[in-house]
Amino acid sequence: MADGDADRSATLDPDDAFAVLANETRFAIVQTLWERYDPNDPAHVVKFADLYESDGSATFSELYDRVGYDDTGNFNYHLEQLTDHFVRRTDSGYELTEAGFEIARAVVAGTVRGHPNIEPQKIGIGCPRCDAPVVIAYENHHLRVSCSECRGLWENADGDTGVLFTFPLPPTGLSDRTPEAAFHATLAYNLNRVRSFILGVCPDCSGVVDESVDICENHEPSERGGCPHCHRAHRIEAVEVCSQCKSTTRGPLTIAILAHPTVTAFFHDNGIEHHFASWETFRRAQRVEETVVDTDPLRFRLTVPAEDDRLHLTLDESLDVVESVQEVSYAPK
């Protein structure tokens, strides 16, 4: 995209964006250009080097015919409303901008039109607290995972206990997947998003991320359930919010810390292959100890176990690691 295109695209505020897209003809134009796009077209491999334009572009006449509009003047008006924001004009016609692709992908992912459900069912995965089979259910674009026996880690807004996590997953994430495969896909999808947030880059719009912590001041977790004050088993939550698009994620600091390279190296030294975006990360997080060391300034200590060794990490209020101490056991392994 040329600099001028980027400048014009940046001037479209949310109200204008909704107004532009709130029209059946304009949406049909975006859909038509999406259908013409072929990611296997060799032109797309070098497209971003600006060597030449994509063969997936469509001329005005082709768009007009495929959309099926009956007034060329009005059709041109609708196309111009999209141009420079969701559609770009090329030497060979018109094609989607990245913003246009995002709109099309939202529809394809089902976040606009799809409403599938998965009725509660057990899968062959053991609860990290009691090893009983977990139960999954999918509704309103979220996968909820609960323990079939113990009180789990959360009490949700409806007062239900036993919840282990509730994560968003676009409906297309269920396509061609068994319930157990959808479970693992949900974790991979969300933990990869968490990693991007931790790095300070919003996974939805690439905006700057504001990071903070939420500490339960009177934390009293039960042995098999959450705290009556914060309704969760963990005391400290990492909260990540995009300053631009308001996308957000929040979750246990004991999970977020497992994305740190020092932790990956620690596990490697103990013969453990650690993949952050996985169910094993969620299980390992339940064994991480969390402590508020000081409140002025804020200091947290997280202790990560691996075999007989321990990794003690001290974090500041920005969740940066300021001290790392490895406690090594010399017992035979």
Protein backbone atom coordinates (compact mmCIF):
# COMPACT_ATOMS: atom_id res chain seq x y z
CA MET A 1 0.00 0.00 0.00
CA ALA A 2 1.33 3.43 -0.87
CA ASP A 3 1.81 6.04 1.86
CA GLY A 4 -1.15 8.03 0.59
CA ASP A 5 -3.38 4.96 0.89
CA ALA A 6 -2.27 4.43 4.46
CA ASP A 7 -3.01 8.05 5.36
CA ARG A 8 -6.49 7.98 3.85
CA SER A 9 -7.28 4.66 5.51
CA ALA A 10 -6.21 6.01 8.89
CA THR A 11 -8.67 8.92 8.64
CA LEU A 12 -11.74 6.63 8.60
CA ASP A 13 -13.15 6.71 12.14
CA PRO A 14 -15.32 3.88 13.54
CA ASP A 15 -18.62 5.69 12.89
CA ASP A 16 -17.71 6.24 9.24
CA ALA A 17 -16.50 2.64 8.88
CA PHE A 18 -19.83 1.27 10.12
CA ALA A 19 -21.72 3.66 7.83
CA VAL A 20 -19.68 2.60 4.79
CA LEU A 21 -20.30 -1.11 5.40
CA ALA A 22 -23.97 -0.79 6.38
CA ASN A 23 -25.09 -1.23 2.80
CA GLU A 24 -25.94 -4.48 0.99
CA THR A 25 -24.30 -3.46 -2.28
CA ARG A 26 -21.01 -2.42 -0.67
CA PHE A 27 -20.91 -5.61 1.33
CA ALA A 28 -21.55 -7.59 -1.87
CA ILE A 29 -18.57 -5.86 -3.49
CA VAL A 30 -16.31 -6.90 -0.60
CA GLN A 31 -17.65 -10.45 -0.79
CA THR A 32 -17.12 -10.64 -4.57
CA LEU A 33 -13.51 -9.49 -4.29
CA TRP A 34 -12.95 -12.01 -1.50
CA GLU A 35 -14.29 -14.83 -3.66
CA ARG A 36 -11.91 -13.84 -6.48
CA TYR A 37 -8.92 -13.90 -4.15
CA ASP A 38 -6.78 -17.04 -4.48
CA PRO A 39 -4.03 -17.34 -1.85
CA ASN A 40 -2.27 -19.91 -4.04
CA ASP A 41 -1.92 -17.43 -6.88
CA PRO A 42 1.86 -16.91 -7.38
CA ALA A 43 1.21 -13.19 -7.69
CA HIS A 44 0.32 -12.98 -4.01
CA VAL A 45 3.71 -14.36 -2.98
CA VAL A 46 5.46 -11.24 -4.24
CA LYS A 47 2.55 -8.83 -3.99
CA PHE A 48 3.79 -7.23 -0.80
CA ALA A 49 7.13 -6.50 -2.37
CA ASP A 50 5.17 -4.25 -4.79
CA LEU A 51 6.63 -6.06 -7.80
CA TYR A 52 3.25 -6.35 -9.50
CA GLU A 53 -0.43 -6.39 -8.69
CA SER A 54 -2.54 -9.43 -7.86
CA ASP A 55 -4.31 -11.32 -10.63
CA GLY A 56 -7.28 -11.54 -8.24
CA SER A 57 -8.38 -7.98 -8.91
CA ALA A 58 -11.64 -7.32 -10.77
CA THR A 59 -12.49 -4.62 -13.29
CA PHE A 60 -15.44 -2.31 -12.78
CA SER A 61 -17.47 -4.23 -15.38
CA GLU A 62 -16.70 -7.59 -13.75
CA LEU A 63 -17.75 -6.33 -10.33
CA TYR A 64 -20.88 -4.73 -11.73
CA ASP A 65 -21.93 -7.95 -13.48
CA ARG A 66 -21.15 -10.28 -10.56
CA VAL A 67 -22.84 -8.14 -7.92
CA GLY A 68 -25.89 -7.86 -10.17
CA TYR A 69 -26.59 -4.16 -9.69
CA ASP A 70 -28.86 -2.35 -12.19
CA ASP A 71 -27.53 1.21 -12.13
CA THR A 72 -23.93 1.89 -13.10
CA GLY A 73 -23.96 5.40 -11.63
CA ASN A 74 -25.14 4.30 -8.20
CA PHE A 75 -22.86 1.24 -8.31
CA ASN A 76 -19.87 3.49 -8.99
CA TYR A 77 -20.90 5.64 -6.00
CA HIS A 78 -20.93 2.60 -3.70
CA LEU A 79 -17.57 1.42 -5.03
CA GLU A 80 -16.04 4.84 -4.43
CA GLN A 81 -17.28 4.78 -0.82
CA LEU A 82 -15.23 1.61 -0.28
CA THR A 83 -12.16 2.75 -2.20
CA ASP A 84 -9.04 3.64 -0.18
CA HIS A 85 -10.46 2.07 2.96
CA PHE A 86 -11.71 -1.44 2.16
CA VAL A 87 -10.92 -1.58 -1.57
CA ARG A 88 -7.95 -0.27 -3.54
CA ARG A 89 -7.81 0.63 -7.22
CA THR A 90 -5.01 -1.03 -9.19
CA ASP A 91 -3.86 -0.90 -12.81
CA SER A 92 -5.92 -4.03 -13.52
CA GLY A 93 -9.04 -3.16 -11.52
CA TYR A 94 -10.02 -3.35 -7.85
CA GLU A 95 -8.89 -5.55 -4.96
CA LEU A 96 -9.36 -5.69 -1.19
CA THR A 97 -7.16 -3.73 1.21
CA GLU A 98 -6.11 -5.42 4.43
CA ALA A 99 -9.10 -3.81 6.16
CA GLY A 100 -11.34 -5.32 3.49
CA PHE A 101 -9.78 -8.72 4.08
CA GLU A 102 -10.47 -8.39 7.82
CA ILE A 103 -14.16 -7.76 7.15
CA ALA A 104 -14.37 -10.75 4.79
CA ARG A 105 -12.47 -12.99 7.22
CA ALA A 106 -14.87 -12.06 10.03
CA VAL A 107 -17.76 -13.30 7.92
CA VAL A 108 -15.93 -16.45 6.82
CA ALA A 109 -14.91 -17.18 10.42
CA GLY A 110 -18.58 -17.09 11.36
CA THR A 111 -18.27 -14.25 13.84
CA VAL A 112 -21.00 -12.40 11.95
CA ARG A 113 -23.34 -15.14 10.73
CA GLY A 114 -22.59 -18.49 12.38
CA HIS A 115 -24.23 -19.73 15.61
CA PRO A 116 -23.22 -23.37 16.11
CA ASN A 117 -23.49 -25.12 19.48
CA ILE A 118 -21.86 -28.12 21.13
CA GLU A 119 -23.95 -29.66 23.86
CA PRO A 120 -22.02 -30.47 27.08
CA GLN A 121 -20.00 -33.66 26.66
CA LYS A 122 -17.04 -35.37 28.28
CA ILE A 123 -13.78 -35.75 26.34
CA GLY A 124 -10.66 -37.78 27.00
CA ILE A 125 -8.83 -35.01 28.88
CA GLY A 126 -8.18 -35.06 32.63
CA CYS A 127 -8.80 -32.11 34.96
CA PRO A 128 -5.49 -30.55 36.11
CA ARG A 129 -6.76 -30.55 39.70
CA CYS A 130 -8.36 -33.97 40.15
CA ASP A 131 -7.80 -35.79 36.83
CA ALA A 132 -11.53 -36.44 36.33
CA PRO A 133 -12.76 -36.13 32.71
CA VAL A 134 -13.42 -32.56 31.58
CA VAL A 135 -16.68 -31.46 29.98
CA ILE A 136 -16.76 -29.09 27.02
CA ALA A 137 -19.63 -27.01 25.66
CA TYR A 138 -19.74 -24.42 22.89
CA GLU A 139 -22.20 -21.53 22.80
CA ASN A 140 -22.10 -17.87 21.74
CA HIS A 141 -18.70 -18.33 20.08
CA HIS A 142 -17.08 -19.49 23.34
CA LEU A 143 -15.81 -22.90 24.41
CA ARG A 144 -16.37 -23.60 28.10
CA VAL A 145 -14.35 -26.35 29.75
CA SER A 146 -15.38 -27.64 33.18
CA CYS A 147 -14.42 -30.48 35.48
CA SER A 148 -17.01 -33.25 35.73
CA GLU A 149 -16.33 -33.72 39.45
CA CYS A 150 -14.38 -31.02 41.33
CA ARG A 151 -15.08 -27.29 41.79
CA GLY A 152 -12.51 -26.35 39.15
CA LEU A 153 -10.83 -22.94 39.08
CA TRP A 154 -13.64 -20.44 38.59
CA GLU A 155 -17.14 -19.55 39.53
CA ASN A 156 -18.77 -17.90 36.52
CA ALA A 157 -21.34 -15.09 36.35
CA ASP A 158 -24.19 -17.59 36.64
CA GLY A 159 -22.76 -19.02 39.85
CA ASP A 160 -21.66 -22.25 38.15
CA THR A 161 -18.62 -23.91 39.70
CA GLY A 162 -16.24 -26.43 38.19
CA VAL A 163 -15.20 -24.10 35.36
CA LEU A 164 -11.61 -24.46 34.17
CA PHE A 165 -11.72 -21.87 31.41
CA THR A 166 -14.05 -20.15 28.95
CA PHE A 167 -12.27 -18.98 25.81
CA PRO A 168 -13.55 -17.44 22.57
CA LEU A 169 -13.29 -19.43 19.36
CA PRO A 170 -14.72 -18.34 15.99
CA PRO A 171 -17.28 -20.88 14.72
CA THR A 172 -15.01 -21.87 11.85
CA GLY A 173 -12.69 -23.33 14.49
CA LEU A 174 -15.18 -26.17 14.87
CA SER A 175 -15.09 -27.08 11.19
CA ASP A 176 -13.59 -30.51 10.42
CA ARG A 177 -12.59 -30.99 14.07
CA THR A 178 -13.68 -33.50 16.66
CA PRO A 179 -14.71 -32.06 20.06
CA GLU A 180 -11.29 -32.98 21.47
CA ALA A 181 -9.51 -31.36 18.51
CA ALA A 182 -11.65 -28.23 18.99
CA PHE A 183 -10.55 -28.20 22.65
CA HIS A 184 -6.87 -28.12 21.64
CA ALA A 185 -7.53 -25.61 18.85
CA THR A 186 -9.19 -23.28 21.36
CA LEU A 187 -6.12 -23.33 23.60
CA ALA A 188 -3.72 -22.81 20.69
CA TYR A 189 -5.82 -19.94 19.32
CA ASN A 190 -6.12 -18.13 22.64
CA LEU A 191 -2.66 -18.73 24.07
CA ASN A 192 -1.07 -17.49 20.85
CA ARG A 193 -3.20 -14.36 21.25
CA VAL A 194 -2.03 -14.06 24.87
CA ARG A 195 1.60 -14.28 23.72
CA SER A 196 1.04 -11.42 21.27
CA PHE A 197 -0.58 -9.29 23.98
CA ILE A 198 2.34 -10.00 26.31
CA LEU A 199 4.73 -8.79 23.61
CA GLY A 200 2.77 -5.52 23.51
CA VAL A 201 1.17 -6.03 20.09
CA CYS A 202 -2.60 -6.41 19.77
CA PRO A 203 -3.32 -9.60 17.78
CA ASP A 204 -6.42 -7.98 16.26
CA CYS A 205 -5.23 -4.56 15.08
CA SER A 206 -1.48 -4.45 15.98
CA GLY A 207 -2.12 -1.51 18.32
CA VAL A 208 -0.18 -0.74 21.50
CA VAL A 209 -1.21 -2.82 24.51
CA ASP A 210 -1.78 -1.42 28.00
CA GLU A 211 -0.82 -3.92 30.68
CA SER A 212 -1.94 -4.03 34.30
CA VAL A 213 -2.57 -6.49 37.12
CA ASP A 214 -5.66 -7.33 39.13
CA ILE A 215 -4.87 -8.53 42.65
CA CYS A 216 -7.44 -10.00 45.02
CA GLU A 217 -6.67 -8.21 48.27
CA ASN A 218 -8.48 -10.73 50.50
CA HIS A 219 -7.76 -13.92 48.64
CA GLU A 220 -9.20 -17.00 50.35
CA PRO A 221 -9.30 -19.87 47.85
CA SER A 222 -10.78 -23.14 49.01
CA GLU A 223 -8.95 -26.41 48.50
CA ARG A 224 -11.23 -27.38 45.63
CA GLY A 225 -12.63 -24.08 44.36
CA GLY A 226 -12.35 -20.35 43.92
CA CYS A 227 -12.15 -17.43 46.33
CA PRO A 228 -15.46 -16.01 47.67
CA HIS A 229 -14.20 -12.49 46.88
CA CYS A 230 -12.80 -12.84 43.33
CA HIS A 231 -14.42 -16.20 42.38
CA ARG A 232 -11.14 -17.64 41.11
CA ALA A 233 -8.44 -19.96 42.39
CA HIS A 234 -5.52 -17.67 41.47
CA ARG A 235 -4.87 -14.36 43.22
CA ILE A 236 -3.13 -12.35 40.48
CA GLU A 237 -4.44 -11.72 36.98
CA ALA A 238 -2.59 -10.13 34.08
CA VAL A 239 -4.86 -7.74 32.18
CA GLU A 240 -4.02 -6.71 28.61
CA VAL A 241 -6.08 -4.08 26.75
CA CYS A 242 -5.47 -2.66 23.28
CA SER A 243 -5.42 1.13 23.37
CA GLN A 244 -6.84 1.28 19.83
CA CYS A 245 -9.47 -1.41 19.20
CA LYS A 246 -10.32 -2.28 22.85
CA SER A 247 -9.50 -5.94 22.34
CA THR A 248 -8.60 -7.46 25.67
CA THR A 249 -7.45 -10.58 27.43
CA ARG A 250 -7.08 -11.36 31.09
CA GLY A 251 -6.02 -14.46 32.90
CA PRO A 252 -3.80 -15.93 35.60
CA LEU A 253 -0.32 -14.48 35.84
CA THR A 254 0.76 -18.08 36.44
CA ILE A 255 -0.15 -18.80 32.81
CA ALA A 256 1.33 -15.61 31.33
CA ILE A 257 4.72 -16.22 32.97
CA LEU A 258 5.05 -19.55 31.14
CA ALA A 259 5.52 -17.62 27.88
CA HIS A 260 8.78 -16.13 29.19
CA PRO A 261 11.95 -17.41 27.45
CA THR A 262 13.64 -18.00 30.82
CA VAL A 263 10.91 -20.48 31.67
CA THR A 264 11.25 -22.25 28.32
CA ALA A 265 15.01 -22.57 28.87
CA PHE A 266 14.43 -23.83 32.43
CA PHE A 267 12.09 -26.56 31.21
CA HIS A 268 14.54 -27.47 28.44
CA ASP A 269 17.35 -27.86 30.98
CA ASN A 270 15.11 -30.31 32.82
CA GLY A 271 14.40 -32.34 29.71
CA ILE A 272 10.92 -30.91 29.14
CA GLU A 273 9.84 -29.69 25.71
CA HIS A 274 7.61 -26.72 26.50
CA HIS A 275 5.09 -25.45 23.95
CA PHE A 276 3.30 -22.42 25.37
CA ALA A 277 0.16 -22.56 23.22
CA SER A 278 -0.94 -25.94 24.56
CA TRP A 279 -2.96 -27.76 27.20
CA GLU A 280 0.28 -28.63 29.01
CA THR A 281 0.82 -24.92 29.68
CA PHE A 282 -2.59 -24.72 31.34
CA ARG A 283 -1.81 -27.80 33.45
CA ARG A 284 1.66 -26.57 34.43
CA ALA A 285 0.25 -23.18 35.43
CA GLN A 286 -1.74 -24.86 38.21
CA ARG A 287 1.56 -25.87 39.85
CA VAL A 288 3.11 -22.39 39.69
CA GLU A 289 3.19 -20.63 43.07
CA GLU A 290 2.34 -16.91 43.16
CA THR A 291 3.24 -14.42 45.90
CA VAL A 292 2.92 -10.66 46.30
CA VAL A 293 6.34 -9.81 47.72
CA ASP A 294 5.85 -6.05 48.10
CA THR A 295 3.20 -3.44 47.36
CA ASP A 296 5.32 -0.27 47.11
CA PRO A 297 6.70 -0.77 44.60
CA LEU A 298 4.76 -3.81 43.44
CA ARG A 299 6.78 -7.00 43.30
CA PHE A 300 5.53 -10.49 42.51
CA ARG A 301 7.32 -13.80 42.86
CA LEU A 302 6.39 -16.79 40.76
CA THR A 303 7.91 -20.19 41.42
CA VAL A 304 7.90 -22.60 38.50
CA PRO A 305 8.59 -26.28 39.26
CA ALA A 306 10.21 -28.81 36.92
CA GLU A 307 11.11 -32.23 38.26
CA ASP A 308 12.99 -31.50 41.53
CA ASP A 309 14.21 -28.03 40.46
CA ARG A 310 12.56 -24.67 41.02
CA LEU A 311 12.75 -21.40 39.07
CA HIS A 312 12.00 -18.29 41.15
CA LEU A 313 11.09 -15.21 39.10
CA THR A 314 10.51 -11.76 40.56
CA LEU A 315 8.37 -9.38 38.47
CA ASP A 316 7.78 -5.65 38.80
CA GLU A 317 4.49 -3.78 38.30
CA SER A 318 5.10 -3.77 34.53
CA LEU A 319 5.35 -7.58 34.68
CA ASP A 320 9.00 -7.45 33.63
CA VAL A 321 11.28 -10.07 35.18
CA VAL A 322 13.73 -8.22 37.45
CA GLU A 323 15.30 -11.26 39.10
CA SER A 324 15.69 -14.91 38.18
CA VAL A 325 16.99 -17.54 40.59
CA GLN A 326 17.17 -21.24 39.81
CA GLU A 327 17.08 -23.65 42.72
CA VAL A 328 18.75 -26.84 41.57
CA SER A 329 18.34 -30.18 43.26
CA TYR A 330 21.26 -32.58 43.02
CA ALA A 331 19.07 -35.58 43.63
CA PRO A 332 19.29 -38.23 40.90
CA LYS A 333 16.71 -37.72 38.14
